[in-house]
Amino acid sequence: MQLPEDQIRAGHIPADLYRQIPPGTDLRRVVIVQQAPRSYKGPIVLTLVVFTGSVALLLVIAFVVQVVAGAAIGVLSATGGLSYTINRTTKRKNLLSK
């Protein structure tokens, strides 16, 4: 028996608990209740759910922003309020003009 938990399971009463027992108590009727070991499954699952929800929320926001921006550009270009042209000069055009 190396651990205190082993002693408690074997029926031994540790000295610090023995001093807390009132005098005249029948030690054969003393029951020592141990706290259950902590489970980390709940916090780990909660962390994974929060992380997954955050990623999903960011993806939805990015998709909505993309759709709104595309619609806004489509409406503005259709109404003439926005025009976007790409002006590329090629080497041939520059050579021909010289």
N, C-alpha and C. Protein backbone atom coordinates (compact mmCIF):
# COMPACT_ATOMS: atom_id res chain seq x y z
N MET A 1 0.85 -1.18 0.00
CA MET A 1 0.00 0.00 0.00
C MET A 1 0.89 1.24 0.00
N GLN A 2 1.01 1.83 -1.15
CA GLN A 2 1.89 2.99 -1.26
C GLN A 2 1.11 4.30 -1.28
N LEU A 3 -0.11 4.27 -1.75
CA LEU A 3 -0.89 5.49 -1.88
C LEU A 3 -1.93 5.59 -0.76
N PRO A 4 -2.28 6.80 -0.35
CA PRO A 4 -3.32 6.95 0.68
C PRO A 4 -4.65 6.35 0.26
N GLU A 5 -4.95 6.38 -1.06
CA GLU A 5 -6.21 5.80 -1.52
C GLU A 5 -6.22 4.29 -1.26
N ASP A 6 -5.07 3.65 -1.40
CA ASP A 6 -4.98 2.21 -1.12
C ASP A 6 -5.26 1.93 0.35
N GLN A 7 -4.77 2.80 1.23
CA GLN A 7 -5.00 2.61 2.66
C GLN A 7 -6.48 2.77 3.00
N ILE A 8 -7.12 3.76 2.38
CA ILE A 8 -8.54 3.99 2.66
C ILE A 8 -9.36 2.81 2.16
N ARG A 9 -9.02 2.29 0.99
CA ARG A 9 -9.75 1.13 0.46
C ARG A 9 -9.54 -0.10 1.34
N ALA A 10 -8.39 -0.20 1.97
CA ALA A 10 -8.11 -1.36 2.82
C ALA A 10 -8.72 -1.23 4.20
N GLY A 11 -9.35 -0.10 4.50
CA GLY A 11 -10.01 0.08 5.79
C GLY A 11 -9.19 0.85 6.81
N HIS A 12 -8.03 1.34 6.43
CA HIS A 12 -7.21 2.13 7.34
C HIS A 12 -7.74 3.56 7.39
N ILE A 13 -7.66 4.16 8.57
CA ILE A 13 -8.09 5.55 8.72
C ILE A 13 -6.82 6.39 8.87
N PRO A 14 -6.57 7.34 7.96
CA PRO A 14 -5.38 8.18 8.08
C PRO A 14 -5.40 8.98 9.38
N ALA A 15 -4.22 9.36 9.85
CA ALA A 15 -4.08 10.03 11.14
C ALA A 15 -4.82 11.36 11.16
N ASP A 16 -4.78 12.13 10.06
CA ASP A 16 -5.45 13.43 10.07
C ASP A 16 -6.97 13.26 10.17
N LEU A 17 -7.52 12.21 9.55
CA LEU A 17 -8.96 11.95 9.68
C LEU A 17 -9.29 11.35 11.05
N TYR A 18 -8.37 10.57 11.58
CA TYR A 18 -8.59 9.94 12.88
C TYR A 18 -8.75 10.98 13.98
N ARG A 19 -8.00 12.12 13.86
CA ARG A 19 -8.10 13.19 14.86
C ARG A 19 -9.43 13.93 14.76
N GLN A 20 -10.09 13.87 13.60
CA GLN A 20 -11.35 14.59 13.42
C GLN A 20 -12.56 13.78 13.89
N ILE A 21 -12.37 12.52 14.15
CA ILE A 21 -13.49 11.68 14.59
C ILE A 21 -13.77 11.97 16.07
N PRO A 22 -15.02 12.21 16.44
CA PRO A 22 -15.34 12.52 17.84
C PRO A 22 -15.01 11.32 18.74
N PRO A 23 -14.59 11.60 19.98
CA PRO A 23 -14.28 10.50 20.90
C PRO A 23 -15.53 9.65 21.17
N GLY A 24 -15.33 8.37 21.34
CA GLY A 24 -16.42 7.45 21.63
C GLY A 24 -17.09 6.90 20.39
N THR A 25 -16.62 7.27 19.18
CA THR A 25 -17.21 6.78 17.94
C THR A 25 -16.68 5.38 17.65
N ASP A 26 -17.57 4.49 17.26
CA ASP A 26 -17.16 3.14 16.89
C ASP A 26 -16.49 3.21 15.52
N LEU A 27 -15.18 2.94 15.49
CA LEU A 27 -14.43 3.09 14.24
C LEU A 27 -14.80 2.04 13.21
N ARG A 28 -15.45 0.96 13.64
CA ARG A 28 -15.88 -0.04 12.67
C ARG A 28 -17.07 0.44 11.85
N ARG A 29 -17.74 1.49 12.32
CA ARG A 29 -18.90 2.01 11.60
C ARG A 29 -18.58 3.31 10.84
N VAL A 30 -17.32 3.71 10.84
CA VAL A 30 -16.92 4.93 10.13
C VAL A 30 -16.77 4.61 8.65
N VAL A 31 -17.39 5.43 7.84
CA VAL A 31 -17.30 5.29 6.38
C VAL A 31 -16.62 6.54 5.84
N ILE A 32 -15.56 6.33 5.08
CA ILE A 32 -14.85 7.45 4.47
C ILE A 32 -15.27 7.52 3.01
N VAL A 33 -15.81 8.66 2.63
CA VAL A 33 -16.29 8.85 1.27
C VAL A 33 -15.25 9.66 0.50
N GLN A 34 -14.84 9.14 -0.63
CA GLN A 34 -13.87 9.84 -1.46
C GLN A 34 -14.57 10.56 -2.59
N GLN A 35 -13.98 11.67 -2.97
CA GLN A 35 -14.50 12.40 -4.12
C GLN A 35 -14.11 11.65 -5.39
N ALA A 36 -15.02 11.60 -6.33
CA ALA A 36 -14.77 10.90 -7.59
C ALA A 36 -13.67 11.63 -8.36
N PRO A 37 -12.85 10.90 -9.10
CA PRO A 37 -11.81 11.57 -9.89
C PRO A 37 -12.43 12.47 -10.95
N ARG A 38 -11.75 13.55 -11.23
CA ARG A 38 -12.28 14.53 -12.18
C ARG A 38 -12.25 13.97 -13.60
N SER A 39 -13.33 14.20 -14.31
CA SER A 39 -13.43 13.78 -15.70
C SER A 39 -13.21 15.01 -16.59
N TYR A 40 -12.32 14.87 -17.55
CA TYR A 40 -12.03 15.98 -18.45
C TYR A 40 -12.78 15.85 -19.77
N LYS A 41 -13.65 14.87 -19.88
CA LYS A 41 -14.36 14.66 -21.14
C LYS A 41 -15.29 15.84 -21.45
N GLY A 42 -16.00 16.34 -20.47
CA GLY A 42 -16.93 17.45 -20.68
C GLY A 42 -16.25 18.71 -21.18
N PRO A 43 -15.20 19.20 -20.49
CA PRO A 43 -14.52 20.41 -20.97
C PRO A 43 -13.89 20.25 -22.34
N ILE A 44 -13.36 19.05 -22.64
CA ILE A 44 -12.75 18.83 -23.96
C ILE A 44 -13.81 18.88 -25.05
N VAL A 45 -14.94 18.23 -24.81
CA VAL A 45 -16.03 18.23 -25.80
C VAL A 45 -16.56 19.65 -25.99
N LEU A 46 -16.70 20.38 -24.89
CA LEU A 46 -17.18 21.77 -24.97
C LEU A 46 -16.22 22.63 -25.79
N THR A 47 -14.92 22.46 -25.58
CA THR A 47 -13.93 23.22 -26.34
C THR A 47 -14.02 22.89 -27.83
N LEU A 48 -14.16 21.62 -28.16
CA LEU A 48 -14.27 21.23 -29.57
C LEU A 48 -15.54 21.78 -30.21
N VAL A 49 -16.65 21.77 -29.46
CA VAL A 49 -17.90 22.30 -30.00
C VAL A 49 -17.79 23.80 -30.24
N VAL A 50 -17.19 24.51 -29.30
CA VAL A 50 -17.04 25.97 -29.45
C VAL A 50 -16.12 26.28 -30.63
N PHE A 51 -15.02 25.54 -30.76
CA PHE A 51 -14.10 25.77 -31.88
C PHE A 51 -14.77 25.48 -33.22
N THR A 52 -15.48 24.36 -33.30
CA THR A 52 -16.18 24.01 -34.55
C THR A 52 -17.26 25.03 -34.88
N GLY A 53 -17.99 25.47 -33.89
CA GLY A 53 -19.02 26.49 -34.11
C GLY A 53 -18.42 27.81 -34.57
N SER A 54 -17.28 28.18 -34.02
CA SER A 54 -16.63 29.43 -34.43
C SER A 54 -16.17 29.36 -35.88
N VAL A 55 -15.58 28.22 -36.25
CA VAL A 55 -15.13 28.06 -37.64
C VAL A 55 -16.33 28.09 -38.59
N ALA A 56 -17.40 27.40 -38.23
CA ALA A 56 -18.59 27.39 -39.08
C ALA A 56 -19.19 28.80 -39.20
N LEU A 57 -19.23 29.54 -38.10
CA LEU A 57 -19.76 30.90 -38.12
C LEU A 57 -18.91 31.80 -39.02
N LEU A 58 -17.58 31.67 -38.93
CA LEU A 58 -16.71 32.49 -39.79
C LEU A 58 -16.90 32.13 -41.27
N LEU A 59 -17.08 30.85 -41.58
CA LEU A 59 -17.32 30.46 -42.96
C LEU A 59 -18.64 31.03 -43.49
N VAL A 60 -19.67 31.00 -42.66
CA VAL A 60 -20.97 31.55 -43.07
C VAL A 60 -20.86 33.06 -43.28
N ILE A 61 -20.17 33.75 -42.39
CA ILE A 61 -20.00 35.20 -42.54
C ILE A 61 -19.23 35.52 -43.81
N ALA A 62 -18.16 34.76 -44.09
CA ALA A 62 -17.37 34.99 -45.31
C ALA A 62 -18.23 34.76 -46.55
N PHE A 63 -19.05 33.73 -46.55
CA PHE A 63 -19.92 33.45 -47.69
C PHE A 63 -20.94 34.56 -47.88
N VAL A 64 -21.54 35.02 -46.81
CA VAL A 64 -22.55 36.09 -46.91
C VAL A 64 -21.91 37.38 -47.41
N VAL A 65 -20.73 37.70 -46.92
CA VAL A 65 -20.04 38.92 -47.37
C VAL A 65 -19.72 38.82 -48.85
N GLN A 66 -19.29 37.64 -49.29
CA GLN A 66 -18.98 37.45 -50.71
C GLN A 66 -20.22 37.62 -51.58
N VAL A 67 -21.33 37.05 -51.16
CA VAL A 67 -22.57 37.15 -51.92
C VAL A 67 -23.06 38.59 -51.96
N VAL A 68 -23.01 39.27 -50.82
CA VAL A 68 -23.46 40.67 -50.77
C VAL A 68 -22.57 41.54 -51.64
N ALA A 69 -21.25 41.34 -51.60
CA ALA A 69 -20.34 42.15 -52.42
C ALA A 69 -20.58 41.89 -53.90
N GLY A 70 -20.78 40.64 -54.28
CA GLY A 70 -21.06 40.32 -55.68
C GLY A 70 -22.36 40.94 -56.15
N ALA A 71 -23.38 40.89 -55.30
CA ALA A 71 -24.67 41.49 -55.67
C ALA A 71 -24.55 43.00 -55.78
N ALA A 72 -23.81 43.61 -54.87
CA ALA A 72 -23.66 45.07 -54.91
C ALA A 72 -22.92 45.51 -56.17
N ILE A 73 -21.88 44.79 -56.53
CA ILE A 73 -21.15 45.14 -57.75
C ILE A 73 -22.02 44.92 -58.98
N GLY A 74 -22.80 43.85 -58.98
CA GLY A 74 -23.70 43.59 -60.10
C GLY A 74 -24.73 44.68 -60.25
N VAL A 75 -25.32 45.13 -59.15
CA VAL A 75 -26.34 46.19 -59.21
C VAL A 75 -25.72 47.50 -59.62
N LEU A 76 -24.57 47.85 -59.06
CA LEU A 76 -23.94 49.12 -59.40
C LEU A 76 -23.47 49.16 -60.85
N SER A 77 -22.96 48.05 -61.36
CA SER A 77 -22.51 48.06 -62.75
C SER A 77 -23.70 48.07 -63.71
N ALA A 78 -24.80 47.46 -63.31
CA ALA A 78 -25.99 47.44 -64.18
C ALA A 78 -26.65 48.82 -64.24
N THR A 79 -26.57 49.57 -63.17
CA THR A 79 -27.18 50.89 -63.15
C THR A 79 -26.25 51.98 -63.67
N GLY A 80 -25.01 51.62 -63.99
CA GLY A 80 -24.08 52.62 -64.51
C GLY A 80 -23.37 53.38 -63.42
N GLY A 81 -23.57 53.01 -62.21
CA GLY A 81 -22.91 53.73 -61.12
C GLY A 81 -21.48 53.28 -60.90
N LEU A 82 -21.11 52.20 -61.51
CA LEU A 82 -19.75 51.69 -61.31
C LEU A 82 -19.29 51.07 -62.60
N SER A 83 -18.14 51.46 -63.02
CA SER A 83 -17.57 50.82 -64.21
C SER A 83 -16.14 50.44 -63.88
N TYR A 84 -15.77 49.30 -64.36
CA TYR A 84 -14.44 48.79 -64.07
C TYR A 84 -13.86 48.28 -65.38
N THR A 85 -12.80 48.87 -65.81
CA THR A 85 -12.17 48.44 -67.05
C THR A 85 -10.72 48.09 -66.79
N ILE A 86 -10.25 47.15 -67.53
CA ILE A 86 -8.85 46.77 -67.43
C ILE A 86 -8.17 47.29 -68.68
N ASN A 87 -7.23 48.16 -68.49
CA ASN A 87 -6.52 48.75 -69.61
C ASN A 87 -5.12 48.16 -69.63
N ARG A 88 -4.91 47.25 -70.57
CA ARG A 88 -3.59 46.62 -70.67
C ARG A 88 -2.98 47.02 -72.00
N THR A 89 -1.82 47.53 -71.93
CA THR A 89 -1.11 47.84 -73.17
C THR A 89 -0.12 46.71 -73.43
N THR A 90 -0.13 46.25 -74.64
CA THR A 90 0.77 45.16 -74.98
C THR A 90 2.03 45.72 -75.62
N LYS A 91 3.04 44.93 -75.72
CA LYS A 91 4.29 45.37 -76.32
C LYS A 91 4.11 45.64 -77.82
N ARG A 92 3.25 44.85 -78.45
CA ARG A 92 3.01 45.03 -79.88
C ARG A 92 2.40 46.40 -80.15
N LYS A 93 1.46 46.78 -79.36
CA LYS A 93 0.80 48.06 -79.57
C LYS A 93 1.80 49.19 -79.39
N ASN A 94 2.66 49.08 -78.40
CA ASN A 94 3.66 50.11 -78.18
C ASN A 94 4.67 50.14 -79.31
N LEU A 95 5.03 48.97 -79.84
CA LEU A 95 5.99 48.91 -80.94
C LEU A 95 5.38 49.48 -82.23
N LEU A 96 4.11 49.21 -82.47
CA LEU A 96 3.45 49.71 -83.68
C LEU A 96 3.28 51.22 -83.65
N SER A 97 3.08 51.78 -82.47
CA SER A 97 2.86 53.22 -82.40
C SER A 97 4.16 53.99 -82.56
N LYS A 98 5.33 53.38 -82.40
CA LYS A 98 6.60 54.08 -82.55
C LYS A 98 7.01 54.22 -83.95
